[in-house]
């Protein structure tokens, strides 16, 4: 519960690189997440190249500086645009779960993240040289927070939970 209650979106990062061991732990958390029919039709990209991070910044709706400031950017992509019986896309659902695992692990390791959805998928694909048929589901800068963040308030449980 500590990670669930303490994690917050980080928008400013130290230039300190993330150690390889921590990078692998975040990737492993992504890998361990459940997926539809256990197909694991996904990949987590760890982008460190300054040139590629600059292109990702240009692909973001607000030209977000945190994409270049952070030592790395997570880009979660999927290989299945199948639709489940509930009419939701498999890749969006599965990768949302996996990215949540990765972000919570990052918090446990003292790293900050900020889930982003305001970007041009086509521009991200071009920036990273991704082929057709791949979906870009989520992006997050990742690194050591440059400032202490306070957790934003949440609605009371009675407003978001109901027993039927």
N, C-alpha and C. Protein backbone atom coordinates (compact mmCIF):
# COMPACT_ATOMS: atom_id res chain seq x y z
N UNK A 1 0.81 -1.20 0.00
CA UNK A 1 0.00 0.00 0.00
C UNK A 1 0.86 1.27 0.00
N UNK A 2 2.11 1.15 0.44
CA UNK A 2 2.96 2.34 0.48
C UNK A 2 3.15 2.94 -0.91
N UNK A 3 3.45 2.10 -1.88
CA UNK A 3 3.64 2.61 -3.25
C UNK A 3 2.33 3.15 -3.81
N UNK A 4 1.24 2.47 -3.54
CA UNK A 4 -0.06 2.92 -4.05
C UNK A 4 -0.44 4.27 -3.48
N UNK A 5 -0.19 4.48 -2.20
CA UNK A 5 -0.57 5.73 -1.54
C UNK A 5 0.46 6.84 -1.75
N UNK A 6 1.72 6.49 -1.95
CA UNK A 6 2.78 7.48 -2.00
C UNK A 6 3.19 7.94 -3.38
N UNK A 7 2.92 7.15 -4.40
CA UNK A 7 3.33 7.51 -5.75
C UNK A 7 2.62 8.78 -6.21
N UNK A 8 3.35 9.63 -6.86
CA UNK A 8 2.80 10.86 -7.41
C UNK A 8 3.49 11.15 -8.75
N UNK A 9 2.87 11.95 -9.56
CA UNK A 9 3.47 12.30 -10.86
C UNK A 9 4.63 13.26 -10.66
N UNK A 10 5.77 12.92 -11.23
CA UNK A 10 6.99 13.73 -11.12
C UNK A 10 7.22 14.40 -12.46
N UNK A 11 7.42 15.71 -12.42
CA UNK A 11 7.61 16.47 -13.65
C UNK A 11 8.98 17.13 -13.78
N UNK A 12 9.83 16.97 -12.74
CA UNK A 12 11.20 17.51 -12.79
C UNK A 12 12.16 16.45 -12.26
N UNK A 13 13.25 16.24 -13.00
CA UNK A 13 14.16 15.14 -12.72
C UNK A 13 15.60 15.61 -12.60
N UNK A 14 16.36 14.90 -11.77
CA UNK A 14 17.80 15.09 -11.70
C UNK A 14 18.40 14.47 -12.96
N UNK A 15 19.59 14.91 -13.33
CA UNK A 15 20.25 14.36 -14.51
C UNK A 15 20.91 13.00 -14.24
N UNK A 16 20.93 12.59 -12.99
CA UNK A 16 21.55 11.32 -12.58
C UNK A 16 20.95 10.13 -13.34
N UNK A 17 21.77 9.35 -14.03
CA UNK A 17 21.24 8.18 -14.76
C UNK A 17 20.69 7.13 -13.80
N UNK A 18 19.77 6.35 -14.30
CA UNK A 18 19.20 5.24 -13.53
C UNK A 18 20.13 4.04 -13.71
N UNK A 19 20.49 3.42 -12.59
CA UNK A 19 21.38 2.27 -12.61
C UNK A 19 20.76 1.11 -13.39
N UNK A 20 21.62 0.32 -14.05
CA UNK A 20 21.17 -0.82 -14.86
C UNK A 20 20.31 -1.79 -14.04
N UNK A 21 20.68 -2.02 -12.78
CA UNK A 21 19.92 -2.94 -11.94
C UNK A 21 18.49 -2.43 -11.73
N UNK A 22 18.33 -1.15 -11.49
CA UNK A 22 16.99 -0.58 -11.30
C UNK A 22 16.20 -0.59 -12.61
N UNK A 23 16.89 -0.30 -13.69
CA UNK A 23 16.25 -0.35 -15.01
C UNK A 23 15.66 -1.74 -15.26
N UNK A 24 16.43 -2.76 -14.94
CA UNK A 24 15.96 -4.14 -15.15
C UNK A 24 14.82 -4.50 -14.20
N UNK A 25 14.85 -3.99 -12.98
CA UNK A 25 13.76 -4.26 -12.03
C UNK A 25 12.45 -3.65 -12.52
N UNK A 26 12.51 -2.44 -13.06
CA UNK A 26 11.32 -1.80 -13.61
C UNK A 26 10.81 -2.62 -14.80
N UNK A 27 11.71 -3.04 -15.68
CA UNK A 27 11.32 -3.84 -16.84
C UNK A 27 10.75 -5.19 -16.41
N UNK A 28 11.30 -5.77 -15.38
CA UNK A 28 10.80 -7.05 -14.90
C UNK A 28 9.40 -6.92 -14.31
N UNK A 29 9.13 -5.81 -13.62
CA UNK A 29 7.78 -5.57 -13.10
C UNK A 29 6.79 -5.49 -14.26
N UNK A 30 7.16 -4.80 -15.33
CA UNK A 30 6.33 -4.72 -16.54
C UNK A 30 6.07 -6.13 -17.08
N UNK A 31 7.12 -6.92 -17.17
CA UNK A 31 7.04 -8.29 -17.72
C UNK A 31 6.14 -9.19 -16.90
N UNK A 32 6.09 -9.00 -15.59
CA UNK A 32 5.33 -9.89 -14.71
C UNK A 32 3.83 -9.59 -14.66
N UNK A 33 3.41 -8.52 -15.27
CA UNK A 33 1.99 -8.15 -15.24
C UNK A 33 1.14 -9.16 -16.01
N UNK A 34 -0.12 -9.34 -15.60
CA UNK A 34 -1.01 -10.24 -16.33
C UNK A 34 -1.39 -9.64 -17.68
N UNK A 35 -1.73 -10.53 -18.61
CA UNK A 35 -2.20 -10.09 -19.93
C UNK A 35 -3.27 -11.06 -20.43
N UNK A 36 -4.08 -10.58 -21.34
CA UNK A 36 -5.15 -11.41 -21.90
C UNK A 36 -4.56 -12.69 -22.50
N UNK A 37 -5.11 -13.80 -22.08
CA UNK A 37 -4.67 -15.12 -22.53
C UNK A 37 -3.16 -15.33 -22.36
N UNK A 38 -2.54 -14.53 -21.48
CA UNK A 38 -1.10 -14.58 -21.21
C UNK A 38 -0.26 -14.45 -22.48
N UNK A 39 -0.75 -13.70 -23.45
CA UNK A 39 -0.03 -13.55 -24.71
C UNK A 39 1.18 -12.61 -24.60
N UNK A 40 1.13 -11.68 -23.66
CA UNK A 40 2.26 -10.76 -23.46
C UNK A 40 2.69 -10.10 -24.77
N UNK A 41 1.71 -9.59 -25.50
CA UNK A 41 1.96 -8.93 -26.79
C UNK A 41 2.36 -7.47 -26.58
N UNK A 42 3.51 -7.27 -25.97
CA UNK A 42 3.94 -5.94 -25.61
C UNK A 42 5.45 -5.84 -25.58
N UNK A 43 5.91 -4.63 -25.46
CA UNK A 43 7.34 -4.39 -25.25
C UNK A 43 7.46 -3.07 -24.50
N UNK A 44 8.43 -3.02 -23.59
CA UNK A 44 8.75 -1.78 -22.89
C UNK A 44 10.07 -1.27 -23.44
N UNK A 45 10.04 -0.08 -24.00
CA UNK A 45 11.25 0.55 -24.55
C UNK A 45 11.79 1.54 -23.53
N UNK A 46 13.09 1.51 -23.30
CA UNK A 46 13.77 2.42 -22.38
C UNK A 46 14.59 3.35 -23.26
N UNK A 47 14.17 4.58 -23.41
CA UNK A 47 14.79 5.52 -24.33
C UNK A 47 15.72 6.44 -23.55
N UNK A 48 17.03 6.38 -23.83
CA UNK A 48 18.03 7.23 -23.18
C UNK A 48 18.68 8.20 -24.15
N UNK A 49 18.66 7.91 -25.41
CA UNK A 49 19.32 8.74 -26.42
C UNK A 49 18.77 10.17 -26.38
N UNK A 50 19.66 11.17 -26.19
CA UNK A 50 19.19 12.56 -26.18
C UNK A 50 18.46 12.94 -27.47
N UNK A 51 18.91 12.42 -28.59
CA UNK A 51 18.26 12.74 -29.86
C UNK A 51 16.84 12.18 -29.91
N UNK A 52 16.67 10.96 -29.47
CA UNK A 52 15.34 10.35 -29.47
C UNK A 52 14.43 11.00 -28.43
N UNK A 53 14.99 11.35 -27.27
CA UNK A 53 14.18 12.03 -26.26
C UNK A 53 13.70 13.39 -26.79
N UNK A 54 14.56 14.09 -27.54
CA UNK A 54 14.16 15.38 -28.14
C UNK A 54 13.02 15.17 -29.13
N UNK A 55 13.09 14.09 -29.90
CA UNK A 55 12.01 13.80 -30.85
C UNK A 55 10.72 13.43 -30.13
N UNK A 56 10.85 12.71 -29.00
CA UNK A 56 9.66 12.39 -28.21
C UNK A 56 9.04 13.67 -27.66
N UNK A 57 9.88 14.60 -27.24
CA UNK A 57 9.35 15.88 -26.76
C UNK A 57 8.55 16.57 -27.85
N UNK A 58 9.08 16.57 -29.06
CA UNK A 58 8.37 17.21 -30.17
C UNK A 58 7.06 16.48 -30.50
N UNK A 59 6.99 15.19 -30.19
CA UNK A 59 5.77 14.41 -30.45
C UNK A 59 4.72 14.60 -29.37
N UNK A 60 5.10 15.21 -28.24
CA UNK A 60 4.14 15.42 -27.15
C UNK A 60 3.32 16.68 -27.43
N UNK A 61 2.08 16.65 -27.02
CA UNK A 61 1.15 17.74 -27.32
C UNK A 61 1.65 19.08 -26.80
N UNK A 62 2.16 19.13 -25.58
CA UNK A 62 2.63 20.38 -25.00
C UNK A 62 4.12 20.58 -25.14
N UNK A 63 4.78 19.75 -25.96
CA UNK A 63 6.24 19.80 -26.11
C UNK A 63 6.90 19.72 -24.74
N UNK A 64 6.46 18.75 -23.97
CA UNK A 64 6.82 18.62 -22.56
C UNK A 64 8.32 18.46 -22.33
N UNK A 65 8.90 19.42 -21.59
CA UNK A 65 10.33 19.45 -21.31
C UNK A 65 10.79 18.26 -20.48
N UNK A 66 9.89 17.69 -19.68
CA UNK A 66 10.32 16.58 -18.81
C UNK A 66 10.79 15.37 -19.62
N UNK A 67 10.36 15.27 -20.87
CA UNK A 67 10.80 14.15 -21.71
C UNK A 67 12.28 14.24 -22.05
N UNK A 68 12.83 15.44 -22.05
CA UNK A 68 14.27 15.61 -22.27
C UNK A 68 15.03 15.73 -20.96
N UNK A 69 14.39 16.26 -19.94
CA UNK A 69 15.04 16.46 -18.65
C UNK A 69 15.33 15.14 -17.94
N UNK A 70 14.39 14.22 -18.01
CA UNK A 70 14.57 12.92 -17.35
C UNK A 70 15.68 12.14 -18.05
N UNK A 71 16.41 11.32 -17.30
CA UNK A 71 17.49 10.55 -17.92
C UNK A 71 16.98 9.49 -18.90
N UNK A 72 15.71 9.11 -18.77
CA UNK A 72 15.15 8.11 -19.68
C UNK A 72 13.64 8.32 -19.81
N UNK A 73 13.09 7.71 -20.85
CA UNK A 73 11.65 7.72 -21.07
C UNK A 73 11.21 6.29 -21.34
N UNK A 74 10.16 5.88 -20.63
CA UNK A 74 9.55 4.58 -20.89
C UNK A 74 8.52 4.76 -21.99
N UNK A 75 8.54 3.86 -22.97
CA UNK A 75 7.53 3.85 -24.01
C UNK A 75 7.00 2.42 -24.09
N UNK A 76 5.72 2.25 -23.79
CA UNK A 76 5.10 0.92 -23.79
C UNK A 76 4.32 0.74 -25.08
N UNK A 77 4.68 -0.31 -25.81
CA UNK A 77 4.05 -0.56 -27.11
C UNK A 77 3.43 -1.96 -27.14
N UNK A 78 2.40 -2.08 -27.98
CA UNK A 78 1.70 -3.36 -28.10
C UNK A 78 1.65 -3.84 -29.53
N UNK A 79 1.48 -5.16 -29.64
CA UNK A 79 1.48 -5.81 -30.96
C UNK A 79 0.13 -6.39 -31.33
N UNK A 80 -0.91 -6.13 -30.54
CA UNK A 80 -2.22 -6.70 -30.81
C UNK A 80 -3.29 -5.63 -30.72
N UNK A 81 -3.97 -5.40 -31.84
CA UNK A 81 -5.08 -4.47 -31.82
C UNK A 81 -6.41 -5.22 -31.76
N UNK A 82 -6.33 -6.49 -31.32
CA UNK A 82 -7.55 -7.27 -31.15
C UNK A 82 -8.46 -6.59 -30.14
N UNK A 83 -9.74 -6.87 -30.27
CA UNK A 83 -10.73 -6.32 -29.36
C UNK A 83 -11.31 -7.46 -28.54
N UNK A 84 -11.39 -7.24 -27.22
CA UNK A 84 -11.95 -8.27 -26.34
C UNK A 84 -13.48 -8.26 -26.44
N UNK A 85 -14.12 -9.25 -25.86
CA UNK A 85 -15.58 -9.34 -25.93
C UNK A 85 -16.27 -8.16 -25.27
N UNK A 86 -15.57 -7.44 -24.39
CA UNK A 86 -16.15 -6.26 -23.75
C UNK A 86 -15.96 -4.99 -24.58
N UNK A 87 -15.45 -5.14 -25.79
CA UNK A 87 -15.23 -4.06 -26.77
C UNK A 87 -14.02 -3.18 -26.47
N UNK A 88 -13.18 -3.58 -25.52
CA UNK A 88 -11.95 -2.84 -25.24
C UNK A 88 -10.78 -3.48 -26.00
N UNK A 89 -9.84 -2.65 -26.42
CA UNK A 89 -8.67 -3.19 -27.12
C UNK A 89 -7.76 -3.92 -26.14
N UNK A 90 -7.26 -5.06 -26.59
CA UNK A 90 -6.36 -5.88 -25.77
C UNK A 90 -5.10 -5.10 -25.40
N UNK A 91 -4.46 -4.46 -26.37
CA UNK A 91 -3.19 -3.80 -26.08
C UNK A 91 -3.34 -2.67 -25.07
N UNK A 92 -4.41 -1.90 -25.18
CA UNK A 92 -4.62 -0.79 -24.25
C UNK A 92 -4.81 -1.31 -22.83
N UNK A 93 -5.62 -2.34 -22.68
CA UNK A 93 -5.88 -2.91 -21.35
C UNK A 93 -4.63 -3.54 -20.78
N UNK A 94 -4.01 -4.43 -21.54
CA UNK A 94 -2.84 -5.16 -21.03
C UNK A 94 -1.67 -4.24 -20.70
N UNK A 95 -1.41 -3.30 -21.57
CA UNK A 95 -0.27 -2.42 -21.34
C UNK A 95 -0.54 -1.43 -20.22
N UNK A 96 -1.78 -1.03 -20.04
CA UNK A 96 -2.11 -0.17 -18.90
C UNK A 96 -1.80 -0.89 -17.59
N UNK A 97 -2.12 -2.16 -17.53
CA UNK A 97 -1.81 -2.94 -16.33
C UNK A 97 -0.29 -3.04 -16.16
N UNK A 98 0.41 -3.42 -17.22
CA UNK A 98 1.86 -3.61 -17.15
C UNK A 98 2.59 -2.31 -16.82
N UNK A 99 2.14 -1.21 -17.41
CA UNK A 99 2.78 0.08 -17.13
C UNK A 99 2.54 0.47 -15.67
N UNK A 100 1.38 0.16 -15.15
CA UNK A 100 1.12 0.43 -13.73
C UNK A 100 2.08 -0.35 -12.84
N UNK A 101 2.30 -1.60 -13.18
CA UNK A 101 3.28 -2.40 -12.42
C UNK A 101 4.65 -1.74 -12.47
N UNK A 102 5.09 -1.32 -13.65
CA UNK A 102 6.41 -0.72 -13.82
C UNK A 102 6.53 0.59 -13.03
N UNK A 103 5.50 1.40 -13.07
CA UNK A 103 5.51 2.69 -12.38
C UNK A 103 5.54 2.50 -10.87
N UNK A 104 4.80 1.51 -10.37
CA UNK A 104 4.82 1.26 -8.93
C UNK A 104 6.18 0.72 -8.49
N UNK A 105 6.79 -0.13 -9.30
CA UNK A 105 8.13 -0.63 -8.98
C UNK A 105 9.14 0.53 -9.00
N UNK A 106 9.00 1.40 -9.96
CA UNK A 106 9.89 2.57 -10.03
C UNK A 106 9.81 3.38 -8.74
N UNK A 107 8.60 3.58 -8.26
CA UNK A 107 8.43 4.32 -7.01
C UNK A 107 9.14 3.60 -5.86
N UNK A 108 8.97 2.29 -5.78
CA UNK A 108 9.61 1.50 -4.72
C UNK A 108 11.14 1.64 -4.77
N UNK A 109 11.68 1.90 -5.97
CA UNK A 109 13.13 2.02 -6.15
C UNK A 109 13.62 3.46 -5.98
N UNK A 110 12.71 4.37 -5.61
CA UNK A 110 13.09 5.76 -5.41
C UNK A 110 13.08 6.59 -6.68
N UNK A 111 12.47 6.06 -7.73
CA UNK A 111 12.40 6.76 -9.01
C UNK A 111 11.05 7.44 -9.18
N UNK A 112 11.03 8.46 -9.99
CA UNK A 112 9.80 9.16 -10.30
C UNK A 112 9.37 8.88 -11.73
N UNK A 113 8.07 9.00 -11.97
CA UNK A 113 7.48 8.80 -13.28
C UNK A 113 6.32 9.76 -13.45
N UNK A 114 5.83 9.88 -14.67
CA UNK A 114 4.63 10.67 -14.95
C UNK A 114 3.96 10.09 -16.19
N UNK A 115 2.90 9.34 -15.98
CA UNK A 115 2.18 8.71 -17.09
C UNK A 115 1.67 9.80 -18.03
N UNK A 116 2.00 9.67 -19.31
CA UNK A 116 1.59 10.66 -20.30
C UNK A 116 0.76 10.00 -21.39
N UNK A 117 -0.27 10.70 -21.82
CA UNK A 117 -1.07 10.21 -22.93
C UNK A 117 -1.25 11.29 -24.00
N UNK A 118 -0.67 12.45 -23.79
CA UNK A 118 -0.83 13.54 -24.76
C UNK A 118 0.37 13.57 -25.70
N UNK A 119 0.26 12.76 -26.75
CA UNK A 119 1.32 12.68 -27.74
C UNK A 119 0.72 12.22 -29.06
N UNK A 120 1.44 12.46 -30.14
CA UNK A 120 1.04 11.96 -31.44
C UNK A 120 1.65 10.57 -31.63
N UNK A 121 0.80 9.58 -31.71
CA UNK A 121 1.29 8.21 -31.85
C UNK A 121 2.16 8.07 -33.10
N UNK A 122 1.75 8.66 -34.19
CA UNK A 122 2.53 8.55 -35.43
C UNK A 122 3.89 9.21 -35.29
N UNK A 123 3.96 10.34 -34.60
CA UNK A 123 5.24 11.02 -34.39
C UNK A 123 6.16 10.22 -33.47
N UNK A 124 5.58 9.58 -32.46
CA UNK A 124 6.38 8.72 -31.57
C UNK A 124 6.93 7.54 -32.36
N UNK A 125 6.11 6.93 -33.19
CA UNK A 125 6.56 5.80 -34.01
C UNK A 125 7.71 6.23 -34.91
N UNK A 126 7.57 7.40 -35.52
CA UNK A 126 8.61 7.91 -36.41
C UNK A 126 9.89 8.20 -35.61
N UNK A 127 9.76 8.81 -34.44
CA UNK A 127 10.92 9.16 -33.61
C UNK A 127 11.72 7.93 -33.19
N UNK A 128 11.01 6.82 -32.99
CA UNK A 128 11.67 5.60 -32.50
C UNK A 128 11.88 4.55 -33.60
N UNK A 129 11.45 4.85 -34.82
CA UNK A 129 11.61 3.90 -35.92
C UNK A 129 10.77 2.65 -35.74
N UNK A 130 9.56 2.80 -35.20
CA UNK A 130 8.69 1.65 -34.97
C UNK A 130 7.90 1.30 -36.23
N UNK A 131 7.71 0.03 -36.49
CA UNK A 131 6.98 -0.39 -37.69
C UNK A 131 5.47 -0.22 -37.55
N UNK A 132 4.79 -0.33 -38.69
CA UNK A 132 3.32 -0.30 -38.69
C UNK A 132 2.80 -1.49 -37.89
N UNK A 133 1.60 -1.37 -37.37
CA UNK A 133 1.00 -2.47 -36.63
C UNK A 133 1.31 -2.46 -35.15
N UNK A 134 2.14 -1.53 -34.72
CA UNK A 134 2.47 -1.40 -33.30
C UNK A 134 1.68 -0.23 -32.73
N UNK A 135 1.14 -0.40 -31.53
CA UNK A 135 0.43 0.68 -30.86
C UNK A 135 1.31 1.26 -29.76
N UNK A 136 1.37 2.57 -29.70
CA UNK A 136 2.05 3.25 -28.60
C UNK A 136 0.96 3.55 -27.57
N UNK A 137 1.01 2.86 -26.44
CA UNK A 137 -0.07 2.95 -25.46
C UNK A 137 0.25 3.93 -24.33
N UNK A 138 1.49 3.99 -23.90
CA UNK A 138 1.82 4.86 -22.77
C UNK A 138 3.27 5.31 -22.84
N UNK A 139 3.49 6.51 -22.32
CA UNK A 139 4.83 7.09 -22.24
C UNK A 139 5.00 7.66 -20.84
N UNK A 140 6.21 7.53 -20.29
CA UNK A 140 6.51 8.15 -19.01
C UNK A 140 7.99 8.46 -18.91
N UNK A 141 8.33 9.70 -18.56
CA UNK A 141 9.72 9.94 -18.19
C UNK A 141 10.01 9.15 -16.92
N UNK A 142 11.27 8.82 -16.70
CA UNK A 142 11.64 8.08 -15.49
C UNK A 142 13.02 8.53 -15.05
N UNK A 143 13.16 8.72 -13.74
CA UNK A 143 14.44 9.13 -13.18
C UNK A 143 14.27 9.53 -11.73
N UNK A 144 15.34 10.09 -11.17
CA UNK A 144 15.30 10.53 -9.78
C UNK A 144 14.60 11.89 -9.71
N UNK A 145 13.60 12.01 -8.84
CA UNK A 145 12.89 13.29 -8.72
C UNK A 145 13.82 14.42 -8.29
N UNK A 146 13.64 15.60 -8.89
CA UNK A 146 14.46 16.76 -8.56
C UNK A 146 13.86 17.54 -7.40
N UNK A 147 12.63 17.21 -7.03
CA UNK A 147 11.99 17.92 -5.93
C UNK A 147 11.06 16.96 -5.19
N UNK A 148 10.82 17.29 -3.95
CA UNK A 148 9.91 16.49 -3.12
C UNK A 148 8.48 16.81 -3.52
N UNK A 149 7.71 15.79 -3.81
CA UNK A 149 6.31 15.99 -4.21
C UNK A 149 5.39 15.59 -3.07
N UNK A 150 4.28 16.27 -2.97
CA UNK A 150 3.26 15.86 -2.01
C UNK A 150 2.17 15.12 -2.76
N UNK A 151 1.59 14.16 -2.09
CA UNK A 151 0.54 13.36 -2.71
C UNK A 151 -0.73 14.21 -2.78
N UNK A 152 -1.36 14.21 -3.93
CA UNK A 152 -2.59 14.96 -4.11
C UNK A 152 -3.75 14.23 -3.44
N UNK A 153 -4.72 14.97 -2.95
CA UNK A 153 -5.83 14.32 -2.24
C UNK A 153 -6.64 13.41 -3.17
N UNK A 154 -7.21 12.41 -2.58
CA UNK A 154 -8.08 11.47 -3.28
C UNK A 154 -9.48 11.57 -2.72
N UNK A 155 -10.45 11.22 -3.53
CA UNK A 155 -11.83 11.20 -3.07
C UNK A 155 -11.96 10.17 -1.95
N UNK A 156 -12.91 10.39 -1.04
CA UNK A 156 -13.14 9.39 0.00
C UNK A 156 -13.58 8.06 -0.62
N UNK A 157 -13.25 6.97 0.06
CA UNK A 157 -13.58 5.64 -0.43
C UNK A 157 -15.06 5.50 -0.75
N UNK A 158 -15.92 6.08 0.08
CA UNK A 158 -17.37 5.94 -0.13
C UNK A 158 -17.83 6.55 -1.44
N UNK A 159 -17.03 7.45 -2.04
CA UNK A 159 -17.39 8.05 -3.31
C UNK A 159 -16.98 7.21 -4.51
N UNK A 160 -16.05 6.29 -4.32
CA UNK A 160 -15.55 5.53 -5.46
C UNK A 160 -15.75 4.03 -5.32
N UNK A 161 -16.39 3.59 -4.24
CA UNK A 161 -16.57 2.17 -3.98
C UNK A 161 -18.01 1.91 -3.55
N UNK A 162 -18.58 0.85 -4.12
CA UNK A 162 -19.96 0.51 -3.80
C UNK A 162 -20.12 -0.98 -3.78
N UNK A 163 -20.76 -1.50 -2.79
CA UNK A 163 -21.08 -2.92 -2.71
C UNK A 163 -22.49 -3.09 -3.22
N UNK A 164 -22.65 -3.97 -4.18
CA UNK A 164 -23.99 -4.21 -4.76
C UNK A 164 -24.52 -5.57 -4.32
